Amino acid sequence: MRPHKKMQIWQNVMDFIQELYSITARFPREEIYGLISQMRRAAISIASNIAEGCARKSNQEKMQFFIIARGSLSELDAQLEISRRLQFVSQEEYDTQSEKLDVISRMLQGLIDSQKQVTRSANRSIT
């Protein structure tokens, strides 16, 4: 099994993507090339960058991909808020999905922090 598939964060993101596709399928048809596409791409970017980061050898490279995933998560968070304000999602759906993004965000920050720590330790042992 590939390393990213063993990670709880990746599994959480994959579950989130499935739910997001279901939710965005109910959006107005005119949003197919707008908000729907943007939200789906941002969510896929989170999973893709976590997977790519896990495949990298150096801790610095891993961290860079995790940071990119964090940026996509922030983008998706903004898009979810826009969807709520436009009443494409209910307050309840927004709250539920927002909580899930918070959990993923904390896990992602933990990955970034652990890579920073490993990088610092490696740099100390070199000097």
Protein backbone atom coordinates (compact mmCIF):
# COMPACT_ATOMS: atom_id res chain seq x y z
CA MET A 1 0.00 0.00 0.00
CA ARG A 2 1.23 3.50 -0.79
CA PRO A 3 2.20 5.51 2.31
CA HIS A 4 -0.45 8.23 1.98
CA LYS A 5 -3.24 5.65 1.96
CA LYS A 6 -2.28 4.59 5.48
CA MET A 7 -2.67 8.11 6.83
CA GLN A 8 -5.84 9.07 8.67
CA ILE A 9 -5.72 12.59 7.22
CA TRP A 10 -5.77 11.28 3.66
CA GLN A 11 -8.72 9.03 4.46
CA ASN A 12 -10.55 11.98 6.05
CA VAL A 13 -9.91 14.11 2.97
CA MET A 14 -11.15 11.35 0.67
CA ASP A 15 -14.37 11.06 2.71
CA PHE A 16 -14.75 14.84 2.61
CA ILE A 17 -14.35 14.83 -1.18
CA GLN A 18 -17.13 12.27 -1.57
CA GLU A 19 -19.46 14.38 0.57
CA LEU A 20 -18.47 17.56 -1.26
CA TYR A 21 -19.30 16.04 -4.64
CA SER A 22 -22.72 15.07 -3.31
CA ILE A 23 -23.33 18.53 -1.88
CA THR A 24 -22.13 20.43 -4.96
CA ALA A 25 -24.26 18.22 -7.23
CA ARG A 26 -27.26 20.13 -5.80
CA PHE A 27 -25.81 23.57 -6.63
CA PRO A 28 -27.43 25.62 -9.40
CA ARG A 29 -26.44 24.34 -12.84
CA GLU A 30 -24.92 27.71 -13.79
CA GLU A 31 -22.23 27.12 -11.13
CA ILE A 32 -20.85 24.04 -12.93
CA TYR A 33 -17.88 26.03 -14.29
CA GLY A 34 -17.70 28.38 -11.32
CA LEU A 35 -18.06 27.49 -7.69
CA ILE A 36 -18.66 23.75 -8.20
CA SER A 37 -15.52 23.34 -10.27
CA GLN A 38 -13.43 25.50 -7.93
CA MET A 39 -14.54 23.65 -4.80
CA ARG A 40 -13.98 20.24 -6.30
CA ARG A 41 -10.54 21.17 -7.61
CA ALA A 42 -9.48 22.62 -4.25
CA ALA A 43 -10.60 19.47 -2.41
CA ILE A 44 -8.82 17.22 -4.90
CA SER A 45 -5.72 19.39 -4.55
CA ILE A 46 -5.64 18.73 -0.81
CA ALA A 47 -5.64 14.96 -1.31
CA SER A 48 -3.22 15.10 -4.24
CA ASN A 49 -0.66 17.25 -2.44
CA ILE A 50 -0.78 15.09 0.68
CA ALA A 51 -0.19 12.02 -1.49
CA GLU A 52 2.63 13.68 -3.42
CA GLY A 53 4.23 14.97 -0.24
CA CYS A 54 4.25 11.48 1.25
CA ALA A 55 6.04 10.20 -1.85
CA ARG A 56 8.88 12.70 -1.56
CA LYS A 57 12.22 11.73 -0.05
CA SER A 58 13.34 14.95 1.61
CA ASN A 59 11.53 16.42 4.59
CA GLN A 60 11.71 19.87 3.01
CA GLU A 61 9.90 18.63 -0.10
CA LYS A 62 7.30 16.82 1.99
CA MET A 63 6.65 19.97 3.98
CA GLN A 64 6.28 22.07 0.81
CA PHE A 65 3.52 19.80 -0.54
CA PHE A 66 1.75 19.79 2.83
CA ILE A 67 1.89 23.61 2.84
CA ILE A 68 0.35 23.68 -0.65
CA ALA A 69 -2.41 21.34 0.62
CA ARG A 70 -3.02 23.77 3.49
CA GLY A 71 -3.44 26.59 0.98
CA SER A 72 -6.01 24.58 -0.95
CA LEU A 73 -7.83 23.85 2.30
CA SER A 74 -8.03 27.59 3.03
CA GLU A 75 -9.33 28.18 -0.47
CA LEU A 76 -12.00 25.52 0.05
CA ASP A 77 -12.94 27.04 3.40
CA ALA A 78 -13.59 30.39 1.68
CA GLN A 79 -15.62 28.72 -1.05
CA LEU A 80 -17.71 26.88 1.52
CA GLU A 81 -18.45 30.22 3.20
CA ILE A 82 -19.45 31.71 -0.16
CA SER A 83 -21.74 28.75 -0.74
CA ARG A 84 -23.40 29.34 2.62
CA ARG A 85 -23.85 33.05 1.98
CA LEU A 86 -25.40 32.31 -1.42
CA GLN A 87 -27.64 29.73 0.29
CA PHE A 88 -26.35 26.85 -1.83
CA VAL A 89 -25.73 24.98 1.46
CA SER A 90 -27.74 25.18 4.65
CA GLN A 91 -26.25 26.46 7.88
CA GLU A 92 -26.27 22.91 9.22
CA GLU A 93 -24.37 21.56 6.18
CA TYR A 94 -21.94 24.45 6.44
CA ASP A 95 -21.31 23.78 10.13
CA THR A 96 -20.80 20.06 9.55
CA GLN A 97 -18.42 20.50 6.62
CA SER A 98 -16.60 23.35 8.33
CA GLU A 99 -15.95 21.15 11.38
CA LYS A 100 -14.54 18.45 9.12
CA LEU A 101 -12.26 21.00 7.47
CA ASP A 102 -11.11 22.12 10.94
CA VAL A 103 -10.14 18.55 11.83
CA ILE A 104 -8.28 18.11 8.53
CA SER A 105 -6.60 21.49 9.03
CA ARG A 106 -5.32 20.53 12.48
CA MET A 107 -4.02 17.20 11.16
CA LEU A 108 -2.33 18.95 8.24
CA GLN A 109 -0.72 21.49 10.54
CA GLY A 110 0.55 18.58 12.64
CA LEU A 111 2.17 17.07 9.54
CA ILE A 112 3.78 20.40 8.67
CA ASP A 113 5.03 20.90 12.22
CA SER A 114 6.48 17.39 12.37
CA GLN A 115 8.33 17.95 9.09
CA LYS A 116 9.70 21.25 10.41
CA GLN A 117 10.91 19.48 13.53
CA VAL A 118 12.57 16.68 11.56
CA THR A 119 14.22 19.24 9.28
CA ARG A 120 15.51 21.23 12.26
CA SER A 121 16.87 18.07 13.91
CA ALA A 122 18.59 17.02 10.69
CA ASN A 123 20.13 20.49 10.29
CA ARG A 124 21.43 20.42 13.89
CA SER A 125 23.11 17.05 13.40
CA ILE A 126 24.86 18.32 10.26
CA THR A 127 26.43 21.34 12.00
